[in-house]
Amino acid sequence: MTAGRRVELLRDLDRETGRVLLVDGVEQSYVDLDDPEHLEFEYMQHMALAVDCVLAPEKPVAALHLGGGALSMPRWLAHRRPRSKQLVAESSAAVIAATSDLEPVPGCRVLEGDAMSVLAAQRARSFDLVFWDLYDGPLAVVDALGSADLQSMHRVLRPGGVLLLNVSDVRPFVVVRPVLAALREVADDLAVLAEPATLRGRRSGNCVLVARREASLPIDLLTRRSAAAPVRARVLAGDALTEFVGDARPPTPDEPLPRPDPLSGRAFL
């Protein structure tokens, strides 16, 4: 996705051990060389919170990351859950080259290639976690959020496994709501974590979609921890999630997700 673009890994001037991955000057990822638990971006903090709430603490997992960046989430997961096995699909050779001098992540293999092709090649029920974080610069790759794509992600999850998607959107959530409608058809339980200002429509932001296979989500625990997090999140589940999704329908080839506006980042039809 980054062919012909300027990809840089620069030191954070405010944090000696921080490194910022930029694509054409836009922050794409962030990693702290000495502190794997430092997750700079709010959506990564919310993803980490969800993982720790849903899966048994410190237990090694098998994880698939669709989109790698500077490997912030794989690095966090390897630190929190030693002996985990992780596979990262990263389509950009320039991103892989820019981050090649960073300390390798134990138990983690990076494949250069189209993320959805890598996903299709995986065995059914082979991962405890699947992370979706596919962006072309600042814009979500909505072509990889179709109903068939979501079914493929669900296919590779083990019973009790969790799918986490980072989807940027803004009210009226013309991307997030159809994706949730599609997830309801395959997942056994579902929730959304997002900053309250994003859900109120005050600004665009990142929504973390959490879907689980053949098990329920600990909604009460998720809600308590999200409310007390350094960057507070609101949790939508159950009836509140049903109301949020409303009459949105799963994307289809005839009615695909709207593409993001290159200037505003908002979706347009």
C-alpha atoms as a PDB file:
ATOM      1  CA  MET A   1       0.000   0.000   0.000  1.00  0.00           C
ATOM      2  CA  THR A   2       2.967   2.335   0.499  1.00  0.00           C
ATOM      3  CA  ALA A   3       4.600   1.965  -2.932  1.00  0.00           C
ATOM      4  CA  GLY A   4       6.060   5.282  -4.028  1.00  0.00           C
ATOM      5  CA  ARG A   5       5.538   6.865  -0.621  1.00  0.00           C
ATOM      6  CA  ARG A   6       8.056   8.154   1.895  1.00  0.00           C
ATOM      7  CA  VAL A   7       8.372   5.762   4.839  1.00  0.00           C
ATOM      8  CA  GLU A   8      10.468   6.818   7.833  1.00  0.00           C
ATOM      9  CA  LEU A   9      11.174   5.574  11.342  1.00  0.00           C
ATOM     10  CA  LEU A  10      12.139   8.588  13.449  1.00  0.00           C
ATOM     11  CA  ARG A  11      13.044   9.144  17.094  1.00  0.00           C
ATOM     12  CA  ASP A  12      10.367  10.734  19.233  1.00  0.00           C
ATOM     13  CA  LEU A  13      11.783  14.069  20.386  1.00  0.00           C
ATOM     14  CA  ASP A  14       9.754  13.835  23.619  1.00  0.00           C
ATOM     15  CA  ARG A  15      10.660  10.240  24.456  1.00  0.00           C
ATOM     16  CA  GLU A  16      14.260   9.086  24.037  1.00  0.00           C
ATOM     17  CA  THR A  17      13.368   5.443  23.453  1.00  0.00           C
ATOM     18  CA  GLY A  18      10.295   6.120  21.302  1.00  0.00           C
ATOM     19  CA  ARG A  19      10.234   5.604  17.547  1.00  0.00           C
ATOM     20  CA  VAL A  20       7.512   6.881  15.229  1.00  0.00           C
ATOM     21  CA  LEU A  21       6.765   5.227  11.901  1.00  0.00           C
ATOM     22  CA  LEU A  22       5.657   7.837   9.360  1.00  0.00           C
ATOM     23  CA  VAL A  23       4.166   7.362   5.898  1.00  0.00           C
ATOM     24  CA  ASP A  24       4.297  10.606   3.916  1.00  0.00           C
ATOM     25  CA  GLY A  25       4.648  12.443   7.223  1.00  0.00           C
ATOM     26  CA  VAL A  26       1.571  10.838   8.819  1.00  0.00           C
ATOM     27  CA  GLU A  27       2.005   8.782  12.003  1.00  0.00           C
ATOM     28  CA  GLN A  28       1.362   5.144  11.194  1.00  0.00           C
ATOM     29  CA  SER A  29       2.787   3.330  14.198  1.00  0.00           C
ATOM     30  CA  TYR A  30       4.791   3.890  17.367  1.00  0.00           C
ATOM     31  CA  VAL A  31       7.113   1.682  19.377  1.00  0.00           C
ATOM     32  CA  ASP A  32       9.130   2.170  22.548  1.00  0.00           C
ATOM     33  CA  LEU A  33      12.468   0.349  22.301  1.00  0.00           C
ATOM     34  CA  ASP A  34      12.758  -0.216  26.052  1.00  0.00           C
ATOM     35  CA  ASP A  35       9.132  -0.517  27.132  1.00  0.00           C
ATOM     36  CA  PRO A  36       6.925  -2.948  25.169  1.00  0.00           C
ATOM     37  CA  GLU A  37       3.991  -2.046  27.398  1.00  0.00           C
ATOM     38  CA  HIS A  38       4.020   1.581  26.259  1.00  0.00           C
ATOM     39  CA  LEU A  39       1.239   1.765  23.683  1.00  0.00           C
ATOM     40  CA  GLU A  40       1.152   5.310  22.381  1.00  0.00           C
ATOM     41  CA  PHE A  41      -2.063   5.119  20.380  1.00  0.00           C
ATOM     42  CA  GLU A  42      -5.386   4.961  22.210  1.00  0.00           C
ATOM     43  CA  TYR A  43      -6.833   2.195  20.062  1.00  0.00           C
ATOM     44  CA  MET A  44      -3.838  -0.031  20.872  1.00  0.00           C
ATOM     45  CA  GLN A  45      -4.451   0.573  24.581  1.00  0.00           C
ATOM     46  CA  HIS A  46      -8.083  -0.449  24.085  1.00  0.00           C
ATOM     47  CA  MET A  47      -7.091  -3.566  22.140  1.00  0.00           C
ATOM     48  CA  ALA A  48      -4.654  -4.551  24.883  1.00  0.00           C
ATOM     49  CA  LEU A  49      -7.306  -3.964  27.536  1.00  0.00           C
ATOM     50  CA  ALA A  50      -9.730  -6.214  25.647  1.00  0.00           C
ATOM     51  CA  VAL A  51      -7.167  -9.011  25.295  1.00  0.00           C
ATOM     52  CA  ASP A  52      -6.363  -8.946  29.006  1.00  0.00           C
ATOM     53  CA  CYS A  53     -10.055  -8.941  29.937  1.00  0.00           C
ATOM     54  CA  VAL A  54     -11.073 -11.795  27.654  1.00  0.00           C
ATOM     55  CA  LEU A  55      -8.166 -14.247  27.697  1.00  0.00           C
ATOM     56  CA  ALA A  56      -6.538 -15.856  30.723  1.00  0.00           C
ATOM     57  CA  PRO A  57      -3.679 -13.651  32.028  1.00  0.00           C
ATOM     58  CA  GLU A  58      -0.128 -14.493  30.946  1.00  0.00           C
ATOM     59  CA  LYS A  59      -1.208 -17.582  29.006  1.00  0.00           C
ATOM     60  CA  PRO A  60       0.706 -17.968  25.708  1.00  0.00           C
ATOM     61  CA  VAL A  61      -1.441 -17.518  22.613  1.00  0.00           C
ATOM     62  CA  ALA A  62      -1.279 -17.953  18.857  1.00  0.00           C
ATOM     63  CA  ALA A  63      -1.925 -14.600  17.176  1.00  0.00           C
ATOM     64  CA  LEU A  64      -2.338 -13.414  13.603  1.00  0.00           C
ATOM     65  CA  HIS A  65      -1.789  -9.720  12.834  1.00  0.00           C
ATOM     66  CA  LEU A  66      -3.236  -8.364   9.583  1.00  0.00           C
ATOM     67  CA  GLY A  67      -1.066  -5.287   9.249  1.00  0.00           C
ATOM     68  CA  GLY A  68       2.201  -4.951  11.125  1.00  0.00           C
ATOM     69  CA  GLY A  69       3.563  -1.400  11.173  1.00  0.00           C
ATOM     70  CA  ALA A  70       6.341  -1.149  13.749  1.00  0.00           C
ATOM     71  CA  LEU A  71       5.123  -4.370  15.463  1.00  0.00           C
ATOM     72  CA  SER A  72       3.851  -2.534  18.542  1.00  0.00           C
ATOM     73  CA  MET A  73       1.063  -5.024  19.335  1.00  0.00           C
ATOM     74  CA  PRO A  74       3.179  -8.136  18.654  1.00  0.00           C
ATOM     75  CA  ARG A  75       5.889  -6.688  20.912  1.00  0.00           C
ATOM     76  CA  TRP A  76       3.363  -6.003  23.680  1.00  0.00           C
ATOM     77  CA  LEU A  77       1.831  -9.458  23.355  1.00  0.00           C
ATOM     78  CA  ALA A  78       5.219 -11.212  23.452  1.00  0.00           C
ATOM     79  CA  HIS A  79       6.111  -9.287  26.607  1.00  0.00           C
ATOM     80  CA  ARG A  80       2.825  -9.919  28.401  1.00  0.00           C
ATOM     81  CA  ARG A  81       2.455 -13.532  27.229  1.00  0.00           C
ATOM     82  CA  PRO A  82       5.889 -15.128  26.775  1.00  0.00           C
ATOM     83  CA  ARG A  83       6.125 -18.166  24.477  1.00  0.00           C
ATOM     84  CA  SER A  84       3.294 -16.864  22.304  1.00  0.00           C
ATOM     85  CA  LYS A  85       3.506 -17.657  18.589  1.00  0.00           C
ATOM     86  CA  GLN A  86       2.695 -14.789  16.261  1.00  0.00           C
ATOM     87  CA  LEU A  87       2.388 -14.302  12.514  1.00  0.00           C
ATOM     88  CA  VAL A  88       2.347 -10.799  11.002  1.00  0.00           C
ATOM     89  CA  ALA A  89       1.174 -10.038   7.448  1.00  0.00           C
ATOM     90  CA  GLU A  90       2.630  -6.740   6.183  1.00  0.00           C
ATOM     91  CA  SER A  91       2.125  -5.721   2.554  1.00  0.00           C
ATOM     92  CA  SER A  92       4.676  -2.908   2.482  1.00  0.00           C
ATOM     93  CA  ALA A  93       8.297  -3.787   1.781  1.00  0.00           C
ATOM     94  CA  ALA A  94       9.187  -0.190   2.684  1.00  0.00           C
ATOM     95  CA  VAL A  95       7.652  -0.539   6.156  1.00  0.00           C
ATOM     96  CA  ILE A  96       9.472  -3.833   6.732  1.00  0.00           C
ATOM     97  CA  ALA A  97      12.753  -2.248   5.615  1.00  0.00           C
ATOM     98  CA  ALA A  98      12.263   0.835   7.807  1.00  0.00           C
ATOM     99  CA  THR A  99      11.706  -1.301  10.908  1.00  0.00           C
ATOM    100  CA  SER A 100      14.254  -4.029  10.137  1.00  0.00           C
ATOM    101  CA  ASP A 101      16.839  -2.703  12.618  1.00  0.00           C
ATOM    102  CA  LEU A 102      14.459  -2.916  15.583  1.00  0.00           C
ATOM    103  CA  GLU A 103      14.943  -5.707  18.097  1.00  0.00           C
ATOM    104  CA  PRO A 104      13.183  -8.847  16.791  1.00  0.00           C
ATOM    105  CA  VAL A 105      10.003  -9.897  18.562  1.00  0.00           C
ATOM    106  CA  PRO A 106      10.405 -13.344  20.174  1.00  0.00           C
ATOM    107  CA  GLY A 107       8.199 -15.984  18.597  1.00  0.00           C
ATOM    108  CA  CYS A 108       7.054 -13.637  15.844  1.00  0.00           C
ATOM    109  CA  ARG A 109       7.361 -14.190  12.082  1.00  0.00           C
ATOM    110  CA  VAL A 110       6.732 -11.389   9.563  1.00  0.00           C
ATOM    111  CA  LEU A 111       5.479 -12.229   6.082  1.00  0.00           C
ATOM    112  CA  GLU A 112       5.613  -9.660   3.304  1.00  0.00           C
ATOM    113  CA  GLY A 113       2.441  -9.958   1.290  1.00  0.00           C
ATOM    114  CA  ASP A 114      -1.220  -9.129   0.959  1.00  0.00           C
ATOM    115  CA  ALA A 115      -2.806  -9.625   4.361  1.00  0.00           C
ATOM    116  CA  MET A 116      -5.980 -11.228   3.078  1.00  0.00           C
ATOM    117  CA  SER A 117      -4.008 -13.694   0.966  1.00  0.00           C
ATOM    118  CA  VAL A 118      -1.971 -14.621   4.028  1.00  0.00           C
ATOM    119  CA  LEU A 119      -5.209 -15.025   5.981  1.00  0.00           C
ATOM    120  CA  ALA A 120      -6.702 -17.296   3.335  1.00  0.00           C
ATOM    121  CA  ALA A 121      -3.670 -19.588   3.557  1.00  0.00           C
ATOM    122  CA  GLN A 122      -4.093 -20.262   7.302  1.00  0.00           C
ATOM    123  CA  ARG A 123      -5.719 -23.383   8.711  1.00  0.00           C
ATOM    124  CA  ALA A 124      -9.156 -23.201  10.298  1.00  0.00           C
ATOM    125  CA  ARG A 125      -9.241 -22.793  14.081  1.00  0.00           C
ATOM    126  CA  SER A 126      -5.510 -22.118  14.371  1.00  0.00           C
ATOM    127  CA  PHE A 127      -5.376 -18.777  16.256  1.00  0.00           C
ATOM    128  CA  ASP A 128      -6.507 -17.469  19.634  1.00  0.00           C
ATOM    129  CA  LEU A 129      -6.280 -13.868  18.448  1.00  0.00           C
ATOM    130  CA  VAL A 130      -6.653 -12.095  15.122  1.00  0.00           C
ATOM    131  CA  PHE A 131      -5.848  -8.390  14.869  1.00  0.00           C
ATOM    132  CA  TRP A 132      -7.078  -6.343  11.881  1.00  0.00           C
ATOM    133  CA  ASP A 133      -5.229  -3.039  11.457  1.00  0.00           C
ATOM    134  CA  LEU A 134      -4.959  -2.415   7.717  1.00  0.00           C
ATOM    135  CA  TYR A 135      -4.392   1.180   6.670  1.00  0.00           C
ATOM    136  CA  ASP A 136      -3.185   2.905   3.532  1.00  0.00           C
ATOM    137  CA  GLY A 137      -1.524   5.891   5.188  1.00  0.00           C
ATOM    138  CA  PRO A 138      -4.275   7.327   7.424  1.00  0.00           C
ATOM    139  CA  LEU A 139      -7.145   5.569   5.620  1.00  0.00           C
ATOM    140  CA  ALA A 140      -8.665   2.216   6.534  1.00  0.00           C
ATOM    141  CA  VAL A 141      -8.483  -0.388   3.761  1.00  0.00           C
ATOM    142  CA  VAL A 142     -12.239  -0.962   3.630  1.00  0.00           C
ATOM    143  CA  ASP A 143     -11.884  -3.395   0.721  1.00  0.00           C
ATOM    144  CA  ALA A 144     -10.586  -5.867   3.328  1.00  0.00           C
ATOM    145  CA  LEU A 145     -13.688  -5.518   5.534  1.00  0.00           C
ATOM    146  CA  GLY A 146     -16.244  -7.245   3.360  1.00  0.00           C
ATOM    147  CA  SER A 147     -18.496  -9.987   4.713  1.00  0.00           C
ATOM    148  CA  ALA A 148     -16.358 -12.711   3.124  1.00  0.00           C
ATOM    149  CA  ASP A 149     -13.223 -11.207   4.697  1.00  0.00           C
ATOM    150  CA  LEU A 150     -14.832 -11.170   8.148  1.00  0.00           C
ATOM    151  CA  GLN A 151     -15.975 -14.768   7.709  1.00  0.00           C
ATOM    152  CA  SER A 152     -12.414 -15.733   6.797  1.00  0.00           C
ATOM    153  CA  MET A 153     -11.087 -14.061   9.959  1.00  0.00           C
ATOM    154  CA  HIS A 154     -13.688 -15.882  12.032  1.00  0.00           C
ATOM    155  CA  ARG A 155     -12.762 -19.173  10.316  1.00  0.00           C
ATOM    156  CA  VAL A 156      -9.192 -19.175  11.647  1.00  0.00           C
ATOM    157  CA  LEU A 157     -10.216 -18.504  15.268  1.00  0.00           C
ATOM    158  CA  ARG A 158     -10.190 -21.315  17.800  1.00  0.00           C
ATOM    159  CA  PRO A 159     -13.223 -21.758  20.087  1.00  0.00           C
ATOM    160  CA  GLY A 160     -13.068 -18.882  22.570  1.00  0.00           C
ATOM    161  CA  GLY A 161     -10.787 -16.942  20.216  1.00  0.00           C
ATOM    162  CA  VAL A 162     -11.061 -13.199  19.732  1.00  0.00           C
ATOM    163  CA  LEU A 163     -11.050 -10.967  16.659  1.00  0.00           C
ATOM    164  CA  LEU A 164     -10.079  -7.316  17.193  1.00  0.00           C
ATOM    165  CA  LEU A 165     -10.483  -4.706  14.476  1.00  0.00           C
ATOM    166  CA  ASN A 166      -9.298  -1.098  14.527  1.00  0.00           C
ATOM    167  CA  VAL A 167     -11.698   0.842  12.310  1.00  0.00           C
ATOM    168  CA  SER A 168     -11.584   4.636  12.099  1.00  0.00           C
ATOM    169  CA  ASP A 169     -14.921   6.308  11.423  1.00  0.00           C
ATOM    170  CA  VAL A 170     -17.138   9.238  12.304  1.00  0.00           C
ATOM    171  CA  ARG A 171     -20.840   9.626  12.952  1.00  0.00           C
ATOM    172  CA  PRO A 172     -23.098   8.304  11.351  1.00  0.00           C
ATOM    173  CA  PHE A 173     -20.555   5.425  11.228  1.00  0.00           C
ATOM    174  CA  VAL A 174     -21.219   4.283   7.679  1.00  0.00           C
ATOM    175  CA  VAL A 175     -18.256   1.877   7.873  1.00  0.00           C
ATOM    176  CA  VAL A 176     -18.373   0.615  11.461  1.00  0.00           C
ATOM    177  CA  ARG A 177     -22.110  -0.119  11.558  1.00  0.00           C
ATOM    178  CA  PRO A 178     -22.204  -2.339   8.427  1.00  0.00           C
ATOM    179  CA  VAL A 179     -19.075  -4.169   9.623  1.00  0.00           C
ATOM    180  CA  LEU A 180     -20.795  -4.846  12.947  1.00  0.00           C
ATOM    181  CA  ALA A 181     -23.893  -6.036  11.076  1.00  0.00           C
ATOM    182  CA  ALA A 182     -21.714  -8.530   9.213  1.00  0.00           C
ATOM    183  CA  LEU A 183     -19.926  -9.653  12.364  1.00  0.00           C
ATOM    184  CA  ARG A 184     -23.265 -10.380  14.051  1.00  0.00           C
ATOM    185  CA  GLU A 185     -23.820 -13.076  11.424  1.00  0.00           C
ATOM    186  CA  VAL A 186     -20.643 -14.993  12.320  1.00  0.00           C
ATOM    187  CA  ALA A 187     -19.542 -14.097  15.868  1.00  0.00           C
ATOM    188  CA  ASP A 188     -21.079 -15.483  19.043  1.00  0.00           C
ATOM    189  CA  ASP A 189     -20.575 -12.266  21.019  1.00  0.00           C
ATOM    190  CA  LEU A 190     -19.668  -8.741  20.051  1.00  0.00           C
ATOM    191  CA  ALA A 191     -18.733  -5.363  21.558  1.00  0.00           C
ATOM    192  CA  VAL A 192     -17.311  -1.975  20.578  1.00  0.00           C
ATOM    193  CA  LEU A 193     -14.812   0.127  22.529  1.00  0.00           C
ATOM    194  CA  ALA A 194     -14.366   3.778  21.598  1.00  0.00           C
ATOM    195  CA  GLU A 195     -13.730   7.114  23.226  1.00  0.00           C
ATOM    196  CA  PRO A 196     -17.016   8.738  24.322  1.00  0.00           C
ATOM    197  CA  ALA A 197     -16.395  11.815  22.150  1.00  0.00           C
ATOM    198  CA  THR A 198     -16.148   9.597  19.073  1.00  0.00           C
ATOM    199  CA  LEU A 199     -19.411   7.806  19.821  1.00  0.00           C
ATOM    200  CA  ARG A 200     -21.144  11.128  20.463  1.00  0.00           C
ATOM    201  CA  GLY A 201     -20.091  12.307  17.009  1.00  0.00           C
ATOM    202  CA  ARG A 202     -17.924  15.153  18.245  1.00  0.00           C
ATOM    203  CA  ARG A 203     -14.928  13.995  16.187  1.00  0.00           C
ATOM    204  CA  SER A 204     -13.681  11.118  14.065  1.00  0.00           C
ATOM    205  CA  GLY A 205     -11.854   8.408  15.929  1.00  0.00           C
ATOM    206  CA  ASN A 206     -10.920   4.761  16.227  1.00  0.00           C
ATOM    207  CA  CYS A 207     -13.455   2.119  17.153  1.00  0.00           C
ATOM    208  CA  VAL A 208     -12.156  -1.219  18.414  1.00  0.00           C
ATOM    209  CA  LEU A 209     -14.530  -3.995  17.414  1.00  0.00           C
ATOM    210  CA  VAL A 210     -14.253  -7.121  19.571  1.00  0.00           C
ATOM    211  CA  ALA A 211     -15.821 -10.371  18.353  1.00  0.00           C
ATOM    212  CA  ARG A 212     -15.556 -13.804  19.988  1.00  0.00           C
ATOM    213  CA  ARG A 213     -16.061 -17.304  18.652  1.00  0.00           C
ATOM    214  CA  GLU A 214     -18.093 -19.896  20.560  1.00  0.00           C
ATOM    215  CA  ALA A 215     -17.932 -17.995  23.856  1.00  0.00           C
ATOM    216  CA  SER A 216     -19.266 -14.835  25.465  1.00  0.00           C
ATOM    217  CA  LEU A 217     -17.382 -11.638  26.253  1.00  0.00           C
ATOM    218  CA  PRO A 218     -16.946 -10.435  29.868  1.00  0.00           C
ATOM    219  CA  ILE A 219     -18.890  -7.240  29.241  1.00  0.00           C
ATOM    220  CA  ASP A 220     -19.044  -6.124  32.882  1.00  0.00           C
ATOM    221  CA  LEU A 221     -15.271  -6.462  33.256  1.00  0.00           C
ATOM    222  CA  LEU A 222     -14.658  -4.747  29.919  1.00  0.00           C
ATOM    223  CA  THR A 223     -16.922  -1.881  30.952  1.00  0.00           C
ATOM    224  CA  ARG A 224     -15.275  -1.372  34.344  1.00  0.00           C
ATOM    225  CA  ARG A 225     -11.736  -1.447  33.031  1.00  0.00           C
ATOM    226  CA  SER A 226     -12.555   0.735  30.026  1.00  0.00           C
ATOM    227  CA  ALA A 227     -14.096   3.380  32.290  1.00  0.00           C
ATOM    228  CA  ALA A 228     -10.958   3.430  34.460  1.00  0.00           C
ATOM    229  CA  ALA A 229      -8.411   3.283  31.623  1.00  0.00           C
ATOM    230  CA  PRO A 230      -5.868   6.125  31.105  1.00  0.00           C
ATOM    231  CA  VAL A 231      -7.750   6.914  27.888  1.00  0.00           C
ATOM    232  CA  ARG A 232     -11.329   6.160  28.855  1.00  0.00           C
ATOM    233  CA  ALA A 233     -13.484   4.119  26.502  1.00  0.00           C
ATOM    234  CA  ARG A 234     -17.203   3.482  26.383  1.00  0.00           C
ATOM    235  CA  VAL A 235     -18.330  -0.084  25.727  1.00  0.00           C
ATOM    236  CA  LEU A 236     -21.330  -0.862  23.515  1.00  0.00           C
ATOM    237  CA  ALA A 237     -22.785  -4.359  23.816  1.00  0.00           C
ATOM    238  CA  GLY A 238     -26.142  -6.091  23.983  1.00  0.00           C
ATOM    239  CA  ASP A 239     -29.145  -3.824  23.447  1.00  0.00           C
ATOM    240  CA  ALA A 240     -26.941  -0.709  23.208  1.00  0.00           C
ATOM    241  CA  LEU A 241     -25.002  -2.302  20.356  1.00  0.00           C
ATOM    242  CA  THR A 242     -28.202  -3.370  18.608  1.00  0.00           C
ATOM    243  CA  GLU A 243     -29.466   0.216  18.784  1.00  0.00           C
ATOM    244  CA  PHE A 244     -26.107   1.513  17.508  1.00  0.00           C
ATOM    245  CA  VAL A 245     -26.114  -0.816  14.486  1.00  0.00           C
ATOM    246  CA  GLY A 246     -29.731   0.080  13.742  1.00  0.00           C
ATOM    247  CA  ASP A 247     -30.799  -0.755  10.195  1.00  0.00           C
ATOM    248  CA  ALA A 248     -27.244  -1.090   8.848  1.00  0.00           C
ATOM    249  CA  ARG A 249     -26.749  -4.074   6.552  1.00  0.00           C
ATOM    250  CA  PRO A 250     -23.621  -6.170   5.976  1.00  0.00           C
ATOM    251  CA  PRO A 251     -21.551  -5.015   2.993  1.00  0.00           C
ATOM    252  CA  THR A 252     -22.023  -6.947  -0.251  1.00  0.00           C
ATOM    253  CA  PRO A 253     -20.352  -6.757  -3.685  1.00  0.00           C
ATOM    254  CA  ASP A 254     -23.367  -4.752  -4.856  1.00  0.00           C
ATOM    255  CA  GLU A 255     -23.366  -2.533  -1.743  1.00  0.00           C
ATOM    256  CA  PRO A 256     -19.723  -2.280  -0.624  1.00  0.00           C
ATOM    257  CA  LEU A 257     -18.443  -0.145   2.199  1.00  0.00           C
ATOM    258  CA  PRO A 258     -17.966   3.529   1.288  1.00  0.00           C
ATOM    259  CA  ARG A 259     -14.384   4.497   0.625  1.00  0.00           C
ATOM    260  CA  PRO A 260     -12.609   6.988   2.909  1.00  0.00           C
ATOM    261  CA  ASP A 261     -12.191  10.546   1.655  1.00  0.00           C
ATOM    262  CA  PRO A 262      -8.427  11.084   1.070  1.00  0.00           C
ATOM    263  CA  LEU A 263      -8.670  14.634   2.391  1.00  0.00           C
ATOM    264  CA  SER A 264     -10.892  14.297   5.446  1.00  0.00           C
ATOM    265  CA  GLY A 265     -10.467  10.611   6.278  1.00  0.00           C
ATOM    266  CA  ARG A 266     -14.252  10.347   6.447  1.00  0.00           C
ATOM    267  CA  ALA A 267     -16.133   7.814   4.391  1.00  0.00           C
ATOM    268  CA  PHE A 268     -18.092   8.877   1.346  1.00  0.00           C
ATOM    269  CA  LEU A 269     -20.461   7.034  -0.996  1.00  0.00           C
END
